[in-house]
Every structure is written in C-alpha cells, then in structure tokens.
Amino acid sequence: MGGIRTFDAPDELTAAAADLVLDAARGAVRDRGRFTWCLAGGNTPAMLYRKLASEPYAARFPWDRTHVFWGDERWVPSDDPDNNAKMAREELLSRVPIPQENIRPIATAGIEPEASAAAAERAVRALLGPGLRPDLVLLGLGEDGHTASLFPGTTALGERTALFAANRVPILDAWRITATLPLLNAARHIAFLVTGTPKARALRQVLFPGAETMVLPASMVRPTDGKLTWLLDREAASLLPHTA
C-alpha cells in the first residue's frame, strides 16, 4: 500500500490508519518475527492509538512481538501533558499487553539534549540492528511543513549519519529531540496522517511543490526502499489538484 488516500472525515481516516498499522504489524511478525514501530505525537495519532486499544484491533494485534520508539520528543518532563510518550502511554500502551521492555521513550529528565539524542540513537540501533530499517514510521505534518521535529531551517535537517539529533527550534525557543532523515527514510513503510484545513497549504506544497517554493522538511521524507502513504481528510486535501 502506498500513495495518497483521502477520507471524508477524520474517523474514517483513523479506521484506515488502524487497518494499515495492524496489517503492517502482522506482516512484519510473519516475515521477520517482530514489528518495529516508530510512533508520532499529535491529535490525529492519539485518535489512532485509541482505536488500536479498542476491539477488534487490540485482540488481533501481536503486542508481544511489537517494539515501539518515538520519532521525536518535546523537551518537557515525562509527566508533562505535551510529552509524546505520555500521550501514547495513556491512549494506547497502558491499555494493551505490550511488554514494558519493548517500549523505548526518549529521555528528557536528568540529561542534556545532546546526551538524550545519543541515548535514543543507541537504543534504536540496538533494536534495529545493522539494517536500521523500522517496519513502520508514523508521521504528521505541521502548518509550516515540519514533520517529527524537523523544522524548516533547523540544523537537524542537514544530518546525514546520526539517527537522532538534538534540534534547537528558534521559533519555539525550545529544544526537540528528533529522528533524522537517515532513519526516517530507511523505513519499510512511512505513513503520514494529516487532518484539518490549517494543514492544507503546507500539504499542497509538500505533495505538489512549485519550482520557486522552499523545500519543506516533510518533502525530504522519501523512503529509500520502502512505501510512502499519505492518509488525508477532505479538509487537509482541500487545496490539492482534483486528480490527487
């Protein structure tokens, strides 16, 4: 599965995303014995996580063979409402029988940003092994075209070897820890979940860039040898050509 799929409402998109994740998990376990999944933060993934924690998905999912890590984390404590790992735990991971040792959050307490990125890299390299290929990466899209915590004009966009980077985001006056393009583009499957009219302009620029427009971070996510799927609602897709 790949390409662009558009849905009339966010709940329809959520159901399709849940099917995609379940299929990816079962296929990975069948083919390789486990499922390595890079999670995303945000409202649309939260809807997906709630769906996966409900039936019939929860009972059919190979939780004992599933390993999760995050594509980015805000530089806030683990109990902060804005913490991506906290959201995923509340909406999904605490509600399903996934082994705790299979959950690899990004540390933000008692550690500096650069050390946190290095620790995240060590954990993911140990998980993925020499191939460094996540089975599935979930991503969202910001109104400025950022994805994960790869924001326009930030240094992490230029990283070509490290899998994670401590990324200072001036517009937010904050640090973020983010997966880099080498890790994201190594995935077997990348799925973007995009909803809402505020994302429509950035989405059009990412999918149908003009010759004189700035290359947005999300445009740089192109799996080297994998699938790329865009799941959109009608509002997010409202500015796309009718053929999209």
C-alpha atoms as a PDB file:
ATOM      1  CA  MET A   1       0.000   0.000   0.000  1.00  0.00           C
ATOM      2  CA  GLY A   2       1.232   3.480  -0.828  1.00  0.00           C
ATOM      3  CA  GLY A   3       0.158   6.716  -2.456  1.00  0.00           C
ATOM      4  CA  ILE A   4      -2.437   9.284  -1.408  1.00  0.00           C
ATOM      5  CA  ARG A   5      -5.749   8.308   0.172  1.00  0.00           C
ATOM      6  CA  THR A   6      -8.397  10.859   1.086  1.00  0.00           C
ATOM      7  CA  PHE A   7     -11.287  10.356   3.501  1.00  0.00           C
ATOM      8  CA  ASP A   8     -14.458  12.317   4.138  1.00  0.00           C
ATOM      9  CA  ALA A   9     -13.965  12.528   7.892  1.00  0.00           C
ATOM     10  CA  PRO A  10     -11.197  12.046  10.469  1.00  0.00           C
ATOM     11  CA  ASP A  11     -12.880   8.960  11.932  1.00  0.00           C
ATOM     12  CA  GLU A  12     -12.745   7.254   8.523  1.00  0.00           C
ATOM     13  CA  LEU A  13      -9.066   8.154   8.255  1.00  0.00           C
ATOM     14  CA  THR A  14      -8.483   6.769  11.748  1.00  0.00           C
ATOM     15  CA  ALA A  15     -10.083   3.439  10.838  1.00  0.00           C
ATOM     16  CA  ALA A  16      -7.961   3.187   7.693  1.00  0.00           C
ATOM     17  CA  ALA A  17      -4.831   4.044   9.669  1.00  0.00           C
ATOM     18  CA  ALA A  18      -5.645   1.363  12.237  1.00  0.00           C
ATOM     19  CA  ASP A  19      -6.040  -1.184   9.445  1.00  0.00           C
ATOM     20  CA  LEU A  20      -2.702  -0.079   7.975  1.00  0.00           C
ATOM     21  CA  VAL A  21      -0.865  -0.446  11.288  1.00  0.00           C
ATOM     22  CA  LEU A  22      -2.442  -3.824  12.058  1.00  0.00           C
ATOM     23  CA  ASP A  23      -1.575  -5.140   8.598  1.00  0.00           C
ATOM     24  CA  ALA A  24       1.992  -3.846   8.918  1.00  0.00           C
ATOM     25  CA  ALA A  25       2.381  -5.450  12.340  1.00  0.00           C
ATOM     26  CA  ARG A  26       1.034  -8.837  11.334  1.00  0.00           C
ATOM     27  CA  GLY A  27       3.079  -8.828   8.126  1.00  0.00           C
ATOM     28  CA  ALA A  28       6.293  -7.903   9.943  1.00  0.00           C
ATOM     29  CA  VAL A  29       5.793 -10.618  12.546  1.00  0.00           C
ATOM     30  CA  ARG A  30       5.062 -13.145   9.829  1.00  0.00           C
ATOM     31  CA  ASP A  31       8.119 -12.186   7.786  1.00  0.00           C
ATOM     32  CA  ARG A  32      10.681 -11.189  10.435  1.00  0.00           C
ATOM     33  CA  GLY A  33       9.313 -12.327  13.789  1.00  0.00           C
ATOM     34  CA  ARG A  34       8.673  -8.875  15.240  1.00  0.00           C
ATOM     35  CA  PHE A  35       7.265  -5.433  14.468  1.00  0.00           C
ATOM     36  CA  THR A  36       9.352  -2.259  14.936  1.00  0.00           C
ATOM     37  CA  TRP A  37       7.172   0.830  15.022  1.00  0.00           C
ATOM     38  CA  CYS A  38       8.141   4.495  15.250  1.00  0.00           C
ATOM     39  CA  LEU A  39       5.356   6.467  16.939  1.00  0.00           C
ATOM     40  CA  ALA A  40       4.259  10.061  16.419  1.00  0.00           C
ATOM     41  CA  GLY A  41       2.706  12.660  18.683  1.00  0.00           C
ATOM     42  CA  GLY A  42      -0.299  14.859  17.955  1.00  0.00           C
ATOM     43  CA  ASN A  43      -4.082  14.738  17.943  1.00  0.00           C
ATOM     44  CA  THR A  44      -4.516  12.523  14.877  1.00  0.00           C
ATOM     45  CA  PRO A  45      -2.151   9.798  16.149  1.00  0.00           C
ATOM     46  CA  ALA A  46      -3.949   9.981  19.515  1.00  0.00           C
ATOM     47  CA  MET A  47      -7.181   9.067  17.738  1.00  0.00           C
ATOM     48  CA  LEU A  48      -5.388   6.181  16.046  1.00  0.00           C
ATOM     49  CA  TYR A  49      -3.944   4.934  19.334  1.00  0.00           C
ATOM     50  CA  ARG A  50      -7.373   4.923  20.962  1.00  0.00           C
ATOM     51  CA  LYS A  51      -8.688   2.927  18.022  1.00  0.00           C
ATOM     52  CA  LEU A  52      -5.903   0.350  18.263  1.00  0.00           C
ATOM     53  CA  ALA A  53      -6.551  -0.040  22.003  1.00  0.00           C
ATOM     54  CA  SER A  54     -10.178  -0.958  21.271  1.00  0.00           C
ATOM     55  CA  GLU A  55     -11.700  -4.095  19.808  1.00  0.00           C
ATOM     56  CA  PRO A  56     -11.341  -5.759  17.409  1.00  0.00           C
ATOM     57  CA  TYR A  57      -7.853  -4.304  16.888  1.00  0.00           C
ATOM     58  CA  ALA A  58      -6.444  -4.878  20.366  1.00  0.00           C
ATOM     59  CA  ALA A  59      -7.199  -8.598  20.340  1.00  0.00           C
ATOM     60  CA  ARG A  60      -5.743  -9.142  16.874  1.00  0.00           C
ATOM     61  CA  PHE A  61      -2.523  -7.158  17.369  1.00  0.00           C
ATOM     62  CA  PRO A  62       0.762  -9.003  18.060  1.00  0.00           C
ATOM     63  CA  TRP A  63       1.626  -6.907  21.104  1.00  0.00           C
ATOM     64  CA  ASP A  64       4.163  -9.358  22.486  1.00  0.00           C
ATOM     65  CA  ARG A  65       6.215  -9.023  19.282  1.00  0.00           C
ATOM     66  CA  THR A  66       5.809  -5.246  18.944  1.00  0.00           C
ATOM     67  CA  HIS A  67       8.645  -2.816  19.743  1.00  0.00           C
ATOM     68  CA  VAL A  68       7.967   0.932  19.807  1.00  0.00           C
ATOM     69  CA  PHE A  69      10.084   4.060  19.859  1.00  0.00           C
ATOM     70  CA  TRP A  70       9.348   7.692  19.053  1.00  0.00           C
ATOM     71  CA  GLY A  71      10.177   9.851  16.067  1.00  0.00           C
ATOM     72  CA  ASP A  72      10.520  12.918  18.258  1.00  0.00           C
ATOM     73  CA  GLU A  73      10.013  14.281  21.726  1.00  0.00           C
ATOM     74  CA  ARG A  74       9.393  17.699  23.195  1.00  0.00           C
ATOM     75  CA  TRP A  75      11.919  18.820  25.792  1.00  0.00           C
ATOM     76  CA  VAL A  76       9.460  18.567  28.679  1.00  0.00           C
ATOM     77  CA  PRO A  77       9.224  16.175  31.670  1.00  0.00           C
ATOM     78  CA  SER A  78       7.800  12.721  31.071  1.00  0.00           C
ATOM     79  CA  ASP A  79       4.652  13.616  33.026  1.00  0.00           C
ATOM     80  CA  ASP A  80       4.020  16.846  31.099  1.00  0.00           C
ATOM     81  CA  PRO A  81       0.805  16.867  29.036  1.00  0.00           C
ATOM     82  CA  ASP A  82       2.865  17.816  25.957  1.00  0.00           C
ATOM     83  CA  ASN A  83       5.155  14.775  26.257  1.00  0.00           C
ATOM     84  CA  ASN A  84       4.632  12.483  23.269  1.00  0.00           C
ATOM     85  CA  ALA A  85       5.448   9.313  25.192  1.00  0.00           C
ATOM     86  CA  LYS A  86       2.990  10.222  27.937  1.00  0.00           C
ATOM     87  CA  MET A  87       0.219  10.625  25.366  1.00  0.00           C
ATOM     88  CA  ALA A  88       0.965   7.275  23.729  1.00  0.00           C
ATOM     89  CA  ARG A  89       1.075   5.518  27.081  1.00  0.00           C
ATOM     90  CA  GLU A  90      -2.264   6.962  28.141  1.00  0.00           C
ATOM     91  CA  GLU A  91      -4.050   6.345  24.854  1.00  0.00           C
ATOM     92  CA  LEU A  92      -2.517   3.003  23.885  1.00  0.00           C
ATOM     93  CA  LEU A  93       0.445   1.428  25.616  1.00  0.00           C
ATOM     94  CA  SER A  94      -1.034   1.235  29.128  1.00  0.00           C
ATOM     95  CA  ARG A  95      -4.180  -0.352  27.707  1.00  0.00           C
ATOM     96  CA  VAL A  96      -2.648  -3.245  25.775  1.00  0.00           C
ATOM     97  CA  PRO A  97      -0.346  -6.139  26.762  1.00  0.00           C
ATOM     98  CA  ILE A  98       2.871  -4.841  25.242  1.00  0.00           C
ATOM     99  CA  PRO A  99       5.951  -5.788  27.305  1.00  0.00           C
ATOM    100  CA  GLN A 100       7.431  -2.781  29.089  1.00  0.00           C
ATOM    101  CA  GLU A 101      10.906  -3.664  27.831  1.00  0.00           C
ATOM    102  CA  ASN A 102       9.588  -3.220  24.278  1.00  0.00           C
ATOM    103  CA  ILE A 103       8.870   0.490  24.905  1.00  0.00           C
ATOM    104  CA  ARG A 104      11.751   2.896  24.296  1.00  0.00           C
ATOM    105  CA  PRO A 105      10.840   6.500  25.164  1.00  0.00           C
ATOM    106  CA  ILE A 106      13.220   9.404  24.650  1.00  0.00           C
ATOM    107  CA  ALA A 107      14.671  10.597  27.961  1.00  0.00           C
ATOM    108  CA  THR A 108      14.135  14.246  28.934  1.00  0.00           C
ATOM    109  CA  ALA A 109      14.877  14.184  32.683  1.00  0.00           C
ATOM    110  CA  GLY A 110      18.312  14.385  34.286  1.00  0.00           C
ATOM    111  CA  ILE A 111      20.040  14.562  30.922  1.00  0.00           C
ATOM    112  CA  GLU A 112      21.120  17.194  28.412  1.00  0.00           C
ATOM    113  CA  PRO A 113      19.595  17.303  24.907  1.00  0.00           C
ATOM    114  CA  GLU A 114      22.706  16.068  23.099  1.00  0.00           C
ATOM    115  CA  ALA A 115      23.073  13.142  25.507  1.00  0.00           C
ATOM    116  CA  SER A 116      19.378  12.345  25.139  1.00  0.00           C
ATOM    117  CA  ALA A 117      19.708  12.163  21.354  1.00  0.00           C
ATOM    118  CA  ALA A 118      22.764   9.921  21.697  1.00  0.00           C
ATOM    119  CA  ALA A 119      20.910   7.618  24.103  1.00  0.00           C
ATOM    120  CA  ALA A 120      17.937   7.403  21.737  1.00  0.00           C
ATOM    121  CA  GLU A 121      20.294   6.530  18.921  1.00  0.00           C
ATOM    122  CA  ARG A 122      21.978   3.751  20.898  1.00  0.00           C
ATOM    123  CA  ALA A 123      18.607   2.250  21.838  1.00  0.00           C
ATOM    124  CA  VAL A 124      17.280   2.284  18.287  1.00  0.00           C
ATOM    125  CA  ARG A 125      20.496   0.961  16.758  1.00  0.00           C
ATOM    126  CA  ALA A 126      20.406  -1.932  19.243  1.00  0.00           C
ATOM    127  CA  LEU A 127      16.775  -2.587  18.369  1.00  0.00           C
ATOM    128  CA  LEU A 128      17.035  -2.394  14.589  1.00  0.00           C
ATOM    129  CA  GLY A 129      20.431  -3.999  14.092  1.00  0.00           C
ATOM    130  CA  PRO A 130      22.689  -3.464  11.062  1.00  0.00           C
ATOM    131  CA  GLY A 131      19.876  -2.882   8.592  1.00  0.00           C
ATOM    132  CA  LEU A 132      18.469   0.062  10.594  1.00  0.00           C
ATOM    133  CA  ARG A 133      15.053  -0.399   8.969  1.00  0.00           C
ATOM    134  CA  PRO A 134      11.948   0.339  11.048  1.00  0.00           C
ATOM    135  CA  ASP A 135       8.938  -1.591   9.816  1.00  0.00           C
ATOM    136  CA  LEU A 136       6.593   1.400  10.104  1.00  0.00           C
ATOM    137  CA  VAL A 137       7.093   5.099  10.801  1.00  0.00           C
ATOM    138  CA  LEU A 138       4.104   7.297  11.629  1.00  0.00           C
ATOM    139  CA  LEU A 139       4.445  10.985  10.866  1.00  0.00           C
ATOM    140  CA  GLY A 140       2.330  14.116  10.968  1.00  0.00           C
ATOM    141  CA  LEU A 141       2.617  17.441   9.193  1.00  0.00           C
ATOM    142  CA  GLY A 142       2.843  20.884  10.759  1.00  0.00           C
ATOM    143  CA  GLU A 143       1.382  24.030   9.266  1.00  0.00           C
ATOM    144  CA  ASP A 144       4.956  25.133   8.499  1.00  0.00           C
ATOM    145  CA  GLY A 145       5.763  21.850   6.766  1.00  0.00           C
ATOM    146  CA  HIS A 146       7.696  20.302   9.644  1.00  0.00           C
ATOM    147  CA  THR A 147       7.476  16.613  10.432  1.00  0.00           C
ATOM    148  CA  ALA A 148       8.727  14.804  13.520  1.00  0.00           C
ATOM    149  CA  SER A 149      10.743  17.733  14.964  1.00  0.00           C
ATOM    150  CA  LEU A 150      12.462  18.553  11.692  1.00  0.00           C
ATOM    151  CA  PHE A 151      11.512  22.218  11.409  1.00  0.00           C
ATOM    152  CA  PRO A 152      12.326  24.498   8.462  1.00  0.00           C
ATOM    153  CA  GLY A 153      15.791  25.996   8.711  1.00  0.00           C
ATOM    154  CA  THR A 154      16.963  23.872  11.654  1.00  0.00           C
ATOM    155  CA  THR A 155      20.284  22.099  11.807  1.00  0.00           C
ATOM    156  CA  ALA A 156      18.910  18.558  12.146  1.00  0.00           C
ATOM    157  CA  LEU A 157      17.710  18.708   8.534  1.00  0.00           C
ATOM    158  CA  GLY A 158      21.325  18.531   7.410  1.00  0.00           C
ATOM    159  CA  GLU A 159      22.202  15.438   9.442  1.00  0.00           C
ATOM    160  CA  ARG A 160      23.348  12.590   7.202  1.00  0.00           C
ATOM    161  CA  THR A 161      24.733   9.972   9.603  1.00  0.00           C
ATOM    162  CA  ALA A 162      23.200  10.212  13.093  1.00  0.00           C
ATOM    163  CA  LEU A 163      19.752   8.672  13.581  1.00  0.00           C
ATOM    164  CA  PHE A 164      18.677  11.207  16.212  1.00  0.00           C
ATOM    165  CA  ALA A 165      19.581  14.832  16.819  1.00  0.00           C
ATOM    166  CA  ALA A 166      19.079  17.449  19.498  1.00  0.00           C
ATOM    167  CA  ASN A 167      17.405  20.160  17.457  1.00  0.00           C
ATOM    168  CA  ARG A 168      17.119  23.729  18.675  1.00  0.00           C
ATOM    169  CA  VAL A 169      13.936  25.274  17.218  1.00  0.00           C
ATOM    170  CA  PRO A 170      14.275  29.068  17.384  1.00  0.00           C
ATOM    171  CA  ILE A 171      10.655  29.773  16.505  1.00  0.00           C
ATOM    172  CA  LEU A 172       9.621  27.775  19.577  1.00  0.00           C
ATOM    173  CA  ASP A 173      12.599  28.850  21.709  1.00  0.00           C
ATOM    174  CA  ALA A 174      12.889  25.198  22.667  1.00  0.00           C
ATOM    175  CA  TRP A 175      14.850  22.019  22.194  1.00  0.00           C
ATOM    176  CA  ARG A 176      13.400  18.976  20.489  1.00  0.00           C
ATOM    177  CA  ILE A 177      14.870  15.513  20.113  1.00  0.00           C
ATOM    178  CA  THR A 178      14.114  14.205  16.645  1.00  0.00           C
ATOM    179  CA  ALA A 179      14.724  11.273  14.382  1.00  0.00           C
ATOM    180  CA  THR A 180      16.688  12.390  11.348  1.00  0.00           C
ATOM    181  CA  LEU A 181      16.166  11.817   7.661  1.00  0.00           C
ATOM    182  CA  PRO A 182      18.612   8.868   7.512  1.00  0.00           C
ATOM    183  CA  LEU A 183      16.440   6.938   9.982  1.00  0.00           C
ATOM    184  CA  LEU A 184      13.066   8.001   8.613  1.00  0.00           C
ATOM    185  CA  ASN A 185      13.970   7.296   5.009  1.00  0.00           C
ATOM    186  CA  ALA A 186      15.295   3.829   5.883  1.00  0.00           C
ATOM    187  CA  ALA A 187      11.790   2.673   6.906  1.00  0.00           C
ATOM    188  CA  ARG A 188       9.994  -0.107   5.120  1.00  0.00           C
ATOM    189  CA  HIS A 189       6.801   1.946   5.259  1.00  0.00           C
ATOM    190  CA  ILE A 190       6.148   5.589   6.166  1.00  0.00           C
ATOM    191  CA  ALA A 191       2.599   6.754   6.801  1.00  0.00           C
ATOM    192  CA  PHE A 192       1.682  10.423   7.110  1.00  0.00           C
ATOM    193  CA  LEU A 193      -1.603  11.207   8.898  1.00  0.00           C
ATOM    194  CA  VAL A 194      -2.844  14.711   8.064  1.00  0.00           C
ATOM    195  CA  THR A 195      -6.150  16.303   9.066  1.00  0.00           C
ATOM    196  CA  GLY A 196      -7.634  19.788   9.117  1.00  0.00           C
ATOM    197  CA  THR A 197      -7.785  22.888   6.949  1.00  0.00           C
ATOM    198  CA  PRO A 198      -4.776  24.559   8.658  1.00  0.00           C
ATOM    199  CA  LYS A 199      -2.526  21.889   7.118  1.00  0.00           C
ATOM    200  CA  ALA A 200      -3.886  22.280   3.578  1.00  0.00           C
ATOM    201  CA  ARG A 201      -1.400  24.850   2.279  1.00  0.00           C
ATOM    202  CA  ALA A 202       1.662  23.038   3.581  1.00  0.00           C
ATOM    203  CA  LEU A 203       0.329  19.735   2.290  1.00  0.00           C
ATOM    204  CA  ARG A 204      -0.084  21.120  -1.219  1.00  0.00           C
ATOM    205  CA  GLN A 205       3.467  22.486  -1.163  1.00  0.00           C
ATOM    206  CA  VAL A 206       4.852  19.147   0.025  1.00  0.00           C
ATOM    207  CA  LEU A 207       2.992  16.994  -2.482  1.00  0.00           C
ATOM    208  CA  PHE A 208       2.995  19.411  -5.433  1.00  0.00           C
ATOM    209  CA  PRO A 209       5.947  21.762  -4.934  1.00  0.00           C
ATOM    210  CA  GLY A 210       6.410  24.685  -7.256  1.00  0.00           C
ATOM    211  CA  ALA A 211       9.750  25.448  -8.821  1.00  0.00           C
ATOM    212  CA  GLU A 212      10.297  28.576  -6.718  1.00  0.00           C
ATOM    213  CA  THR A 213       8.922  27.441  -3.365  1.00  0.00           C
ATOM    214  CA  MET A 214      11.031  26.474  -0.387  1.00  0.00           C
ATOM    215  CA  VAL A 215      11.572  22.755   0.095  1.00  0.00           C
ATOM    216  CA  LEU A 216       9.700  21.874   3.274  1.00  0.00           C
ATOM    217  CA  PRO A 217      11.056  19.275   5.702  1.00  0.00           C
ATOM    218  CA  ALA A 218       8.221  16.841   5.005  1.00  0.00           C
ATOM    219  CA  SER A 219       9.152  16.926   1.307  1.00  0.00           C
ATOM    220  CA  MET A 220      12.513  15.428   2.238  1.00  0.00           C
ATOM    221  CA  VAL A 221      10.912  12.297   3.676  1.00  0.00           C
ATOM    222  CA  ARG A 222      11.203   9.807   0.843  1.00  0.00           C
ATOM    223  CA  PRO A 223      11.850   6.170   1.759  1.00  0.00           C
ATOM    224  CA  THR A 224      14.918   4.824   0.023  1.00  0.00           C
ATOM    225  CA  ASP A 225      13.460   1.359  -0.479  1.00  0.00           C
ATOM    226  CA  GLY A 226      10.012   1.392   1.063  1.00  0.00           C
ATOM    227  CA  LYS A 227       6.446   2.594   0.749  1.00  0.00           C
ATOM    228  CA  LEU A 228       5.106   6.078   1.407  1.00  0.00           C
ATOM    229  CA  THR A 229       1.424   6.508   2.228  1.00  0.00           C
ATOM    230  CA  TRP A 230      -0.479   9.727   2.823  1.00  0.00           C
ATOM    231  CA  LEU A 231      -3.779   9.437   4.706  1.00  0.00           C
ATOM    232  CA  LEU A 232      -5.687  12.724   4.462  1.00  0.00           C
ATOM    233  CA  ASP A 233      -9.090  14.049   5.385  1.00  0.00           C
ATOM    234  CA  ARG A 234     -11.048  16.253   2.970  1.00  0.00           C
ATOM    235  CA  GLU A 235     -10.127  19.446   4.791  1.00  0.00           C
ATOM    236  CA  ALA A 236      -6.411  18.796   4.634  1.00  0.00           C
ATOM    237  CA  ALA A 237      -6.723  17.800   0.963  1.00  0.00           C
ATOM    238  CA  SER A 238      -8.886  20.785   0.018  1.00  0.00           C
ATOM    239  CA  LEU A 239      -6.153  22.603  -1.907  1.00  0.00           C
ATOM    240  CA  LEU A 240      -4.798  19.592  -3.782  1.00  0.00           C
ATOM    241  CA  PRO A 241      -5.462  19.091  -7.500  1.00  0.00           C
ATOM    242  CA  HIS A 242      -8.623  17.097  -8.120  1.00  0.00           C
ATOM    243  CA  THR A 243      -6.533  14.260  -9.510  1.00  0.00           C
ATOM    244  CA  ALA A 244      -4.753  13.756  -6.165  1.00  0.00           C
END
